[in-house]
């Protein structure tokens, strides 16, 4: 069996859980494999590092610290905004909302709390500050197509390099998954 190298497209099956709570936060087991170009920054750093050198067909486990996942939780990413900005939305603590950031990109926020006049929103990625435990099976590895190389490593035609919830796959709020480098980032 060959080992995974940089600049190859890899297909993996995975399950990821919060290391502390053991809660499963994402899985593609029994679904379509996650494909990405190794070395293109399309998945969180810790997952990408773990994939390099792995053997096709082998199952393994890797623990990824927040610094190489979705970042450290930052209190300054909490913001109070007027409740009137959420008119027509039935607010619930913990709900995820999507909006448009200053530069036009999709922004994901979590409602932390709200009162009669103000809403506390959190711009941290929902997995910020968490150590993640991945159970991974490397299914395949191949050379990238010319189109995948020309698109900066986008595999399968997604093209957005953002967070559509493959935890590990980076994304800014839409179809692929991230943390600032390639997805779900701030």
N, C-alpha and C. Protein backbone atom coordinates (compact mmCIF):
# COMPACT_ATOMS: atom_id res chain seq x y z
N UNK A 1 0.84 -1.19 0.00
CA UNK A 1 0.00 0.00 0.00
C UNK A 1 0.88 1.25 0.00
N UNK A 2 0.41 2.26 -0.72
CA UNK A 2 1.18 3.49 -0.78
C UNK A 2 0.76 4.44 0.34
N UNK A 3 1.63 5.38 0.62
CA UNK A 3 1.37 6.37 1.66
C UNK A 3 0.90 7.67 1.02
N UNK A 4 0.12 8.43 1.77
CA UNK A 4 -0.43 9.70 1.30
C UNK A 4 0.67 10.75 1.25
N UNK A 5 0.68 11.50 0.16
CA UNK A 5 1.68 12.55 -0.04
C UNK A 5 0.98 13.88 -0.30
N UNK A 6 1.75 14.96 -0.12
CA UNK A 6 1.28 16.30 -0.47
C UNK A 6 1.01 16.36 -1.96
N UNK A 7 0.06 17.19 -2.35
CA UNK A 7 -0.35 17.41 -3.73
C UNK A 7 -1.04 16.21 -4.37
N UNK A 8 -1.62 15.35 -3.55
CA UNK A 8 -2.46 14.25 -4.03
C UNK A 8 -3.87 14.49 -3.52
N UNK A 9 -4.85 14.05 -4.27
CA UNK A 9 -6.24 14.11 -3.81
C UNK A 9 -6.47 12.85 -2.99
N UNK A 10 -6.96 13.04 -1.78
CA UNK A 10 -7.21 11.92 -0.89
C UNK A 10 -8.71 11.84 -0.59
N UNK A 11 -9.20 10.63 -0.44
CA UNK A 11 -10.60 10.41 -0.05
C UNK A 11 -10.57 9.72 1.31
N UNK A 12 -11.31 10.28 2.27
CA UNK A 12 -11.33 9.69 3.60
C UNK A 12 -12.76 9.49 4.09
N UNK A 13 -12.90 8.52 4.97
CA UNK A 13 -14.11 8.34 5.75
C UNK A 13 -13.70 8.71 7.18
N UNK A 14 -14.56 9.45 7.87
CA UNK A 14 -14.17 9.91 9.20
C UNK A 14 -15.35 10.03 10.13
N UNK A 15 -15.01 10.02 11.40
CA UNK A 15 -15.94 10.38 12.47
C UNK A 15 -15.12 11.27 13.39
N UNK A 16 -15.71 12.38 13.79
CA UNK A 16 -15.00 13.31 14.68
C UNK A 16 -15.86 13.58 15.90
N UNK A 17 -15.20 13.55 17.05
CA UNK A 17 -15.93 13.83 18.30
C UNK A 17 -15.16 14.84 19.14
N UNK A 18 -15.90 15.48 20.02
CA UNK A 18 -15.32 16.37 21.00
C UNK A 18 -14.54 15.47 21.96
N UNK A 19 -13.25 15.69 22.08
CA UNK A 19 -12.38 14.84 22.89
C UNK A 19 -12.85 14.78 24.34
N UNK A 20 -13.30 15.90 24.90
CA UNK A 20 -13.69 15.94 26.30
C UNK A 20 -15.05 15.30 26.59
N UNK A 21 -16.03 15.59 25.75
CA UNK A 21 -17.39 15.09 26.00
C UNK A 21 -17.68 13.76 25.31
N UNK A 22 -16.86 13.41 24.34
CA UNK A 22 -17.03 12.20 23.50
C UNK A 22 -18.27 12.30 22.61
N UNK A 23 -18.85 13.50 22.49
CA UNK A 23 -19.99 13.73 21.62
C UNK A 23 -19.52 13.74 20.16
N UNK A 24 -20.19 12.97 19.31
CA UNK A 24 -19.86 12.95 17.88
C UNK A 24 -20.37 14.26 17.28
N UNK A 25 -19.47 15.02 16.65
CA UNK A 25 -19.85 16.30 16.08
C UNK A 25 -20.00 16.23 14.57
N UNK A 26 -19.44 15.20 13.93
CA UNK A 26 -19.61 15.03 12.49
C UNK A 26 -19.12 13.65 12.10
N UNK A 27 -19.68 13.14 11.00
CA UNK A 27 -19.28 11.85 10.48
C UNK A 27 -19.75 11.73 9.04
N UNK A 28 -18.95 11.08 8.22
CA UNK A 28 -19.41 10.77 6.87
C UNK A 28 -19.42 9.26 6.66
N UNK A 29 -19.39 8.49 7.73
CA UNK A 29 -19.42 7.03 7.62
C UNK A 29 -20.73 6.62 6.97
N UNK A 30 -20.61 5.84 5.92
CA UNK A 30 -21.77 5.39 5.18
C UNK A 30 -22.28 6.41 4.18
N UNK A 31 -21.61 7.53 4.06
CA UNK A 31 -21.99 8.59 3.11
C UNK A 31 -20.83 8.80 2.13
N UNK A 32 -20.91 9.86 1.37
CA UNK A 32 -19.88 10.18 0.39
C UNK A 32 -18.55 10.49 1.10
N UNK A 33 -17.45 9.92 0.63
CA UNK A 33 -16.14 10.24 1.24
C UNK A 33 -15.80 11.72 1.09
N UNK A 34 -15.04 12.23 2.03
CA UNK A 34 -14.53 13.60 1.95
C UNK A 34 -13.27 13.54 1.10
N UNK A 35 -13.24 14.32 0.02
CA UNK A 35 -12.07 14.40 -0.85
C UNK A 35 -11.47 15.79 -0.75
N UNK A 36 -10.13 15.84 -0.72
CA UNK A 36 -9.45 17.13 -0.69
C UNK A 36 -8.02 16.96 -1.20
N UNK A 37 -7.44 18.06 -1.62
CA UNK A 37 -6.07 18.07 -2.10
C UNK A 37 -5.15 18.30 -0.91
N UNK A 38 -4.32 17.33 -0.61
CA UNK A 38 -3.41 17.42 0.53
C UNK A 38 -2.39 18.52 0.27
N UNK A 39 -2.27 19.43 1.23
CA UNK A 39 -1.32 20.53 1.12
C UNK A 39 -1.94 21.83 0.62
N UNK A 40 -3.22 21.81 0.27
CA UNK A 40 -3.88 23.01 -0.26
C UNK A 40 -4.62 23.79 0.82
N UNK A 41 -4.53 23.36 2.09
CA UNK A 41 -5.17 24.09 3.17
C UNK A 41 -6.68 23.99 3.16
N UNK A 42 -7.23 22.90 2.65
CA UNK A 42 -8.67 22.75 2.56
C UNK A 42 -9.29 22.12 3.80
N UNK A 43 -8.48 21.55 4.64
CA UNK A 43 -8.95 20.98 5.89
C UNK A 43 -8.13 21.56 7.03
N UNK A 44 -8.59 21.37 8.25
CA UNK A 44 -7.86 21.91 9.38
C UNK A 44 -6.44 21.34 9.41
N UNK A 45 -5.53 22.13 9.89
CA UNK A 45 -4.10 21.80 9.89
C UNK A 45 -3.80 20.46 10.54
N UNK A 46 -4.37 20.20 11.70
CA UNK A 46 -4.09 18.95 12.41
C UNK A 46 -4.52 17.72 11.65
N UNK A 47 -5.65 17.80 10.95
CA UNK A 47 -6.11 16.68 10.15
C UNK A 47 -5.20 16.48 8.95
N UNK A 48 -4.83 17.55 8.30
CA UNK A 48 -3.95 17.45 7.14
C UNK A 48 -2.60 16.85 7.52
N UNK A 49 -2.03 17.30 8.62
CA UNK A 49 -0.75 16.74 9.08
C UNK A 49 -0.85 15.25 9.35
N UNK A 50 -1.98 14.83 9.92
CA UNK A 50 -2.17 13.41 10.26
C UNK A 50 -2.31 12.55 9.01
N UNK A 51 -2.86 13.11 7.95
CA UNK A 51 -3.09 12.36 6.70
C UNK A 51 -1.78 12.08 5.97
N UNK A 52 -0.86 13.04 6.00
CA UNK A 52 0.41 12.87 5.28
C UNK A 52 1.16 11.68 5.86
N UNK A 53 1.49 10.74 4.99
CA UNK A 53 2.22 9.55 5.40
C UNK A 53 1.32 8.38 5.78
N UNK A 54 0.00 8.63 5.90
CA UNK A 54 -0.92 7.55 6.24
C UNK A 54 -1.02 6.55 5.08
N UNK A 55 -1.38 5.32 5.39
CA UNK A 55 -1.51 4.29 4.37
C UNK A 55 -2.95 4.16 3.91
N UNK A 56 -3.12 4.00 2.61
CA UNK A 56 -4.45 3.76 2.04
C UNK A 56 -4.99 2.46 2.61
N UNK A 57 -6.24 2.49 3.04
CA UNK A 57 -6.89 1.31 3.58
C UNK A 57 -6.74 1.14 5.08
N UNK A 58 -5.87 1.92 5.69
CA UNK A 58 -5.65 1.82 7.13
C UNK A 58 -6.56 2.79 7.88
N UNK A 59 -7.05 2.32 9.03
CA UNK A 59 -7.86 3.15 9.91
C UNK A 59 -6.96 3.63 11.04
N UNK A 60 -7.09 4.89 11.41
CA UNK A 60 -6.30 5.41 12.52
C UNK A 60 -7.05 6.52 13.24
N UNK A 61 -6.54 6.89 14.40
CA UNK A 61 -7.15 7.89 15.25
C UNK A 61 -6.14 9.02 15.45
N UNK A 62 -6.62 10.24 15.46
CA UNK A 62 -5.74 11.38 15.71
C UNK A 62 -6.48 12.41 16.57
N UNK A 63 -5.77 12.91 17.57
CA UNK A 63 -6.28 13.96 18.44
C UNK A 63 -5.75 15.28 17.90
N UNK A 64 -6.65 16.26 17.71
CA UNK A 64 -6.26 17.56 17.16
C UNK A 64 -6.60 18.65 18.17
N UNK A 65 -5.57 19.35 18.62
CA UNK A 65 -5.73 20.45 19.59
C UNK A 65 -6.38 21.66 18.91
N UNK A 66 -7.02 22.54 19.67
CA UNK A 66 -7.69 23.71 19.10
C UNK A 66 -6.80 24.54 18.18
N UNK A 67 -5.53 24.68 18.52
CA UNK A 67 -4.62 25.50 17.72
C UNK A 67 -4.47 24.99 16.29
N UNK A 68 -4.69 23.68 16.09
CA UNK A 68 -4.59 23.11 14.75
C UNK A 68 -5.96 22.65 14.23
N UNK A 69 -7.01 23.16 14.89
CA UNK A 69 -8.38 22.82 14.46
C UNK A 69 -9.11 24.13 14.16
N UNK A 70 -10.01 24.53 15.04
CA UNK A 70 -10.82 25.72 14.80
C UNK A 70 -10.42 26.90 15.67
N UNK A 71 -9.22 26.82 16.26
CA UNK A 71 -8.68 27.93 17.02
C UNK A 71 -9.09 27.96 18.48
N UNK A 72 -8.42 28.81 19.20
CA UNK A 72 -8.70 29.05 20.61
C UNK A 72 -9.97 29.88 20.71
N UNK A 73 -10.79 29.62 21.73
CA UNK A 73 -11.99 30.41 21.94
C UNK A 73 -11.57 31.83 22.34
N UNK A 74 -12.13 32.84 21.65
CA UNK A 74 -11.78 34.23 21.91
C UNK A 74 -13.00 34.99 22.44
N UNK A 75 -12.87 35.49 23.67
CA UNK A 75 -13.96 36.24 24.29
C UNK A 75 -14.30 37.51 23.52
N UNK A 76 -13.31 38.08 22.82
CA UNK A 76 -13.58 39.30 22.08
C UNK A 76 -14.38 39.04 20.80
N UNK A 77 -14.71 37.79 20.52
CA UNK A 77 -15.58 37.44 19.39
C UNK A 77 -17.06 37.44 19.83
N UNK A 78 -17.31 37.82 21.09
CA UNK A 78 -18.68 37.99 21.57
C UNK A 78 -19.08 39.44 21.33
N UNK A 79 -20.33 39.64 20.90
CA UNK A 79 -20.78 41.00 20.62
C UNK A 79 -22.26 41.13 20.97
N UNK A 80 -22.59 42.25 21.59
CA UNK A 80 -23.99 42.56 21.87
C UNK A 80 -24.53 43.42 20.73
N UNK A 81 -25.68 43.02 20.21
CA UNK A 81 -26.31 43.78 19.14
C UNK A 81 -27.78 44.00 19.48
N UNK A 82 -28.37 45.07 18.95
CA UNK A 82 -29.78 45.34 19.23
C UNK A 82 -30.68 44.21 18.73
N UNK A 83 -31.65 43.85 19.55
CA UNK A 83 -32.57 42.75 19.20
C UNK A 83 -33.36 43.06 17.94
N UNK A 84 -33.57 44.33 17.66
CA UNK A 84 -34.34 44.72 16.46
C UNK A 84 -33.69 44.22 15.17
N UNK A 85 -32.39 43.93 15.20
CA UNK A 85 -31.70 43.39 14.02
C UNK A 85 -32.14 41.96 13.70
N UNK A 86 -32.86 41.33 14.62
CA UNK A 86 -33.29 39.95 14.45
C UNK A 86 -34.81 39.86 14.28
N UNK A 87 -35.41 40.94 13.82
CA UNK A 87 -36.86 41.00 13.64
C UNK A 87 -37.31 39.86 12.73
N UNK A 88 -38.35 39.17 13.15
CA UNK A 88 -38.89 38.07 12.36
C UNK A 88 -38.23 36.73 12.64
N UNK A 89 -37.22 36.72 13.50
CA UNK A 89 -36.53 35.48 13.85
C UNK A 89 -36.91 35.11 15.28
N UNK A 90 -37.38 33.90 15.48
CA UNK A 90 -37.69 33.42 16.81
C UNK A 90 -36.37 32.94 17.44
N UNK A 91 -35.79 33.78 18.27
CA UNK A 91 -34.47 33.50 18.84
C UNK A 91 -34.52 32.39 19.88
N UNK A 92 -33.47 31.56 19.87
CA UNK A 92 -33.26 30.53 20.89
C UNK A 92 -31.79 30.54 21.25
N UNK A 93 -31.50 30.35 22.53
CA UNK A 93 -30.10 30.24 22.96
C UNK A 93 -29.47 29.05 22.25
N UNK A 94 -28.26 29.26 21.72
CA UNK A 94 -27.52 28.19 21.07
C UNK A 94 -27.80 28.04 19.59
N UNK A 95 -28.78 28.78 19.07
CA UNK A 95 -29.09 28.64 17.64
C UNK A 95 -27.99 29.27 16.79
N UNK A 96 -27.78 28.71 15.62
CA UNK A 96 -26.79 29.21 14.68
C UNK A 96 -27.50 30.03 13.62
N UNK A 97 -26.95 31.20 13.35
CA UNK A 97 -27.48 32.07 12.32
C UNK A 97 -26.36 32.40 11.33
N UNK A 98 -26.75 32.69 10.10
CA UNK A 98 -25.78 33.08 9.09
C UNK A 98 -26.13 34.47 8.61
N UNK A 99 -25.10 35.28 8.41
CA UNK A 99 -25.30 36.64 7.93
C UNK A 99 -24.18 37.00 6.98
N UNK A 100 -24.13 38.26 6.63
CA UNK A 100 -23.11 38.74 5.72
C UNK A 100 -22.14 39.63 6.47
N UNK A 101 -20.84 39.33 6.33
CA UNK A 101 -19.80 40.10 6.99
C UNK A 101 -19.49 41.37 6.23
N UNK A 102 -18.59 42.17 6.79
CA UNK A 102 -18.22 43.46 6.21
C UNK A 102 -17.69 43.33 4.80
N UNK A 103 -16.99 42.24 4.50
CA UNK A 103 -16.40 42.07 3.18
C UNK A 103 -17.27 41.21 2.25
N UNK A 104 -18.53 41.02 2.64
CA UNK A 104 -19.47 40.29 1.80
C UNK A 104 -19.48 38.78 1.97
N UNK A 105 -18.57 38.26 2.77
CA UNK A 105 -18.53 36.81 2.98
C UNK A 105 -19.61 36.39 3.97
N UNK A 106 -19.99 35.12 3.91
CA UNK A 106 -20.97 34.58 4.84
C UNK A 106 -20.33 34.42 6.22
N UNK A 107 -21.04 34.86 7.25
CA UNK A 107 -20.56 34.79 8.62
C UNK A 107 -21.53 33.95 9.43
N UNK A 108 -20.97 33.05 10.21
CA UNK A 108 -21.76 32.19 11.09
C UNK A 108 -21.64 32.72 12.51
N UNK A 109 -22.78 32.86 13.19
CA UNK A 109 -22.77 33.28 14.59
C UNK A 109 -23.69 32.37 15.38
N UNK A 110 -23.45 32.30 16.68
CA UNK A 110 -24.29 31.54 17.59
C UNK A 110 -24.91 32.52 18.58
N UNK A 111 -26.21 32.37 18.81
CA UNK A 111 -26.90 33.21 19.79
C UNK A 111 -26.55 32.65 21.17
N UNK A 112 -25.83 33.41 21.98
CA UNK A 112 -25.45 32.96 23.32
C UNK A 112 -26.51 33.30 24.36
N UNK A 113 -27.10 34.49 24.20
CA UNK A 113 -28.11 34.92 25.16
C UNK A 113 -28.87 36.10 24.53
N UNK A 114 -30.03 36.41 25.09
CA UNK A 114 -30.77 37.57 24.62
C UNK A 114 -31.74 38.03 25.70
N UNK A 115 -32.05 39.30 25.62
CA UNK A 115 -33.02 39.89 26.54
C UNK A 115 -34.06 40.64 25.72
N UNK A 116 -34.72 41.61 26.37
CA UNK A 116 -35.76 42.37 25.68
C UNK A 116 -35.20 43.30 24.60
N UNK A 117 -33.96 43.78 24.81
CA UNK A 117 -33.42 44.77 23.88
C UNK A 117 -32.14 44.35 23.17
N UNK A 118 -31.37 43.46 23.77
CA UNK A 118 -30.06 43.11 23.21
C UNK A 118 -29.93 41.60 22.99
N UNK A 119 -29.06 41.24 22.04
CA UNK A 119 -28.75 39.84 21.75
C UNK A 119 -27.24 39.68 21.82
N UNK A 120 -26.76 38.68 22.57
CA UNK A 120 -25.33 38.38 22.64
C UNK A 120 -25.04 37.31 21.59
N UNK A 121 -24.23 37.68 20.58
CA UNK A 121 -23.86 36.73 19.54
C UNK A 121 -22.37 36.41 19.65
N UNK A 122 -22.03 35.23 19.17
CA UNK A 122 -20.68 34.70 19.28
C UNK A 122 -20.16 34.38 17.89
N UNK A 123 -19.09 35.07 17.49
CA UNK A 123 -18.48 34.86 16.17
C UNK A 123 -17.46 33.72 16.16
N UNK A 124 -17.16 33.13 17.32
CA UNK A 124 -16.26 31.99 17.35
C UNK A 124 -16.88 30.84 16.57
N UNK A 125 -16.05 30.04 15.94
CA UNK A 125 -16.54 28.81 15.32
C UNK A 125 -17.13 27.94 16.44
N UNK A 126 -18.22 27.22 16.20
CA UNK A 126 -18.81 26.39 17.26
C UNK A 126 -17.83 25.39 17.88
N UNK A 127 -16.77 25.03 17.18
CA UNK A 127 -15.79 24.09 17.72
C UNK A 127 -14.50 24.77 18.20
N UNK A 128 -14.51 26.11 18.25
CA UNK A 128 -13.34 26.83 18.76
C UNK A 128 -13.09 26.43 20.21
N UNK A 129 -11.83 26.23 20.54
CA UNK A 129 -11.44 25.89 21.90
C UNK A 129 -11.57 24.41 22.22
N UNK A 130 -12.04 23.62 21.27
CA UNK A 130 -12.25 22.19 21.53
C UNK A 130 -11.14 21.34 20.92
N UNK A 131 -10.72 20.33 21.68
CA UNK A 131 -9.82 19.31 21.16
C UNK A 131 -10.71 18.27 20.48
N UNK A 132 -10.35 17.91 19.26
CA UNK A 132 -11.15 16.99 18.47
C UNK A 132 -10.45 15.64 18.34
N UNK A 133 -11.23 14.58 18.29
CA UNK A 133 -10.69 13.24 18.10
C UNK A 133 -11.28 12.70 16.81
N UNK A 134 -10.41 12.48 15.82
CA UNK A 134 -10.82 11.95 14.52
C UNK A 134 -10.52 10.47 14.44
N UNK A 135 -11.48 9.69 13.96
CA UNK A 135 -11.27 8.30 13.55
C UNK A 135 -11.37 8.32 12.03
N UNK A 136 -10.27 7.97 11.37
CA UNK A 136 -10.14 8.16 9.93
C UNK A 136 -9.79 6.85 9.25
N UNK A 137 -10.39 6.63 8.09
CA UNK A 137 -9.96 5.57 7.19
C UNK A 137 -9.63 6.24 5.87
N UNK A 138 -8.40 6.07 5.40
CA UNK A 138 -7.99 6.60 4.11
C UNK A 138 -8.47 5.61 3.05
N UNK A 139 -9.37 6.06 2.19
CA UNK A 139 -9.97 5.18 1.19
C UNK A 139 -9.21 5.15 -0.13
N UNK A 140 -8.66 6.31 -0.53
CA UNK A 140 -8.03 6.38 -1.85
C UNK A 140 -7.12 7.60 -1.91
N UNK A 141 -6.24 7.56 -2.89
CA UNK A 141 -5.36 8.69 -3.19
C UNK A 141 -5.13 8.68 -4.69
N UNK A 142 -5.11 9.87 -5.28
CA UNK A 142 -4.91 9.97 -6.73
C UNK A 142 -4.25 11.29 -7.07
N UNK A 143 -3.80 11.38 -8.32
CA UNK A 143 -3.27 12.65 -8.83
C UNK A 143 -4.44 13.61 -9.03
N UNK A 144 -4.25 14.91 -8.77
CA UNK A 144 -5.32 15.87 -9.04
C UNK A 144 -5.50 16.06 -10.54
N UNK A 145 -6.72 16.42 -10.94
CA UNK A 145 -6.97 16.73 -12.34
C UNK A 145 -6.42 18.12 -12.64
N UNK A 146 -6.32 18.45 -13.91
CA UNK A 146 -5.86 19.78 -14.30
C UNK A 146 -6.81 20.84 -13.76
N UNK A 147 -8.12 20.56 -13.81
CA UNK A 147 -9.11 21.51 -13.31
C UNK A 147 -8.94 21.73 -11.80
N UNK A 148 -8.66 20.67 -11.06
CA UNK A 148 -8.46 20.79 -9.61
C UNK A 148 -7.22 21.62 -9.31
N UNK A 149 -6.20 21.47 -10.09
CA UNK A 149 -4.97 22.26 -9.91
C UNK A 149 -5.25 23.73 -10.24
N UNK A 150 -5.96 23.98 -11.36
CA UNK A 150 -6.26 25.34 -11.80
C UNK A 150 -7.17 26.08 -10.82
N UNK A 151 -8.02 25.33 -10.11
CA UNK A 151 -8.95 25.96 -9.17
C UNK A 151 -8.34 26.17 -7.79
N UNK A 152 -7.05 25.92 -7.66
CA UNK A 152 -6.40 26.09 -6.37
C UNK A 152 -6.61 24.90 -5.46
N UNK A 153 -6.96 23.77 -6.06
CA UNK A 153 -7.10 22.55 -5.28
C UNK A 153 -8.53 22.19 -4.92
N UNK A 154 -9.52 22.94 -5.46
CA UNK A 154 -10.91 22.61 -5.17
C UNK A 154 -11.25 21.28 -5.83
N UNK A 155 -11.69 20.33 -5.01
CA UNK A 155 -12.00 18.99 -5.48
C UNK A 155 -13.51 18.82 -5.60
N UNK A 156 -13.97 18.27 -6.69
CA UNK A 156 -15.38 17.95 -6.84
C UNK A 156 -16.26 19.11 -7.21
N UNK A 157 -15.68 20.25 -7.58
CA UNK A 157 -16.46 21.35 -8.09
C UNK A 157 -17.14 22.24 -7.07
N UNK A 158 -16.81 22.12 -5.80
CA UNK A 158 -17.46 22.94 -4.78
C UNK A 158 -17.16 24.41 -5.02
N UNK A 159 -15.89 24.76 -5.05
CA UNK A 159 -15.48 26.10 -5.41
C UNK A 159 -15.62 27.19 -4.38
N UNK A 160 -16.11 26.89 -3.20
CA UNK A 160 -16.32 27.99 -2.26
C UNK A 160 -15.31 28.02 -1.14
N UNK A 161 -14.72 26.91 -0.81
CA UNK A 161 -13.72 26.84 0.25
C UNK A 161 -14.25 27.43 1.55
N UNK A 162 -15.42 26.96 1.98
CA UNK A 162 -16.06 27.47 3.19
C UNK A 162 -16.65 26.39 4.10
N UNK A 163 -17.76 26.51 4.98
CA UNK A 163 -18.17 25.47 5.96
C UNK A 163 -19.55 24.84 5.81
N UNK A 164 -19.66 23.78 5.14
CA UNK A 164 -20.96 23.22 4.91
C UNK A 164 -21.15 21.96 5.67
N UNK A 165 -20.61 21.62 6.43
CA UNK A 165 -20.22 21.00 7.64
C UNK A 165 -19.56 19.65 7.53
N UNK A 166 -18.41 19.70 7.02
CA UNK A 166 -17.49 18.59 7.23
C UNK A 166 -16.55 19.20 8.25
N UNK A 167 -16.59 18.72 9.47
CA UNK A 167 -15.70 19.29 10.48
C UNK A 167 -14.33 18.75 10.18
N UNK A 168 -13.48 19.64 9.88
CA UNK A 168 -12.17 19.28 9.41
C UNK A 168 -11.99 19.91 8.06
N UNK A 169 -13.02 19.97 7.29
CA UNK A 169 -12.94 20.61 5.98
C UNK A 169 -13.29 22.05 6.18
N UNK A 170 -12.43 22.96 5.79
CA UNK A 170 -12.60 24.37 6.08
C UNK A 170 -13.62 25.04 5.19
N UNK A 171 -14.19 26.14 5.69
CA UNK A 171 -15.27 26.79 4.98
C UNK A 171 -15.63 28.10 5.66
N UNK A 172 -16.06 29.07 4.91
CA UNK A 172 -16.49 30.35 5.48
C UNK A 172 -17.99 30.41 5.63
N UNK A 173 -18.71 29.34 5.46
CA UNK A 173 -20.12 29.38 5.73
C UNK A 173 -20.97 28.83 4.61
N UNK A 174 -20.50 27.81 3.89
CA UNK A 174 -21.38 27.40 2.85
C UNK A 174 -21.28 26.03 2.28
N UNK A 175 -20.17 25.53 1.83
CA UNK A 175 -20.27 24.25 1.16
C UNK A 175 -19.10 23.33 1.42
N UNK A 176 -18.10 23.75 2.13
CA UNK A 176 -16.96 22.85 2.31
C UNK A 176 -16.46 22.73 3.74
N UNK A 177 -16.41 23.74 4.68
CA UNK A 177 -16.01 23.62 6.09
C UNK A 177 -14.76 24.36 6.54
N UNK A 178 -14.36 25.19 7.82
CA UNK A 178 -13.11 25.85 8.11
C UNK A 178 -12.80 26.63 9.35
N UNK A 179 -11.59 27.33 9.41
CA UNK A 179 -11.18 28.07 10.61
C UNK A 179 -10.30 29.26 10.32
N UNK A 180 -10.40 29.90 9.25
CA UNK A 180 -9.60 31.08 8.99
C UNK A 180 -8.64 30.84 7.89
N UNK A 181 -8.18 29.61 7.76
CA UNK A 181 -7.27 29.30 6.69
C UNK A 181 -8.06 28.90 5.46
N UNK A 182 -9.12 28.13 5.68
CA UNK A 182 -9.85 27.61 4.53
C UNK A 182 -11.31 27.40 4.83
N UNK A 183 -11.78 27.83 5.94
CA UNK A 183 -13.18 27.63 6.16
C UNK A 183 -13.61 27.97 7.55
N UNK A 184 -14.88 28.10 7.74
CA UNK A 184 -15.49 28.43 9.02
C UNK A 184 -14.58 29.37 9.79
N UNK A 185 -14.04 30.34 9.14
CA UNK A 185 -13.07 31.17 9.82
C UNK A 185 -13.57 32.57 10.06
N UNK A 186 -12.75 33.33 10.73
CA UNK A 186 -13.14 34.70 11.11
C UNK A 186 -12.08 35.64 10.65
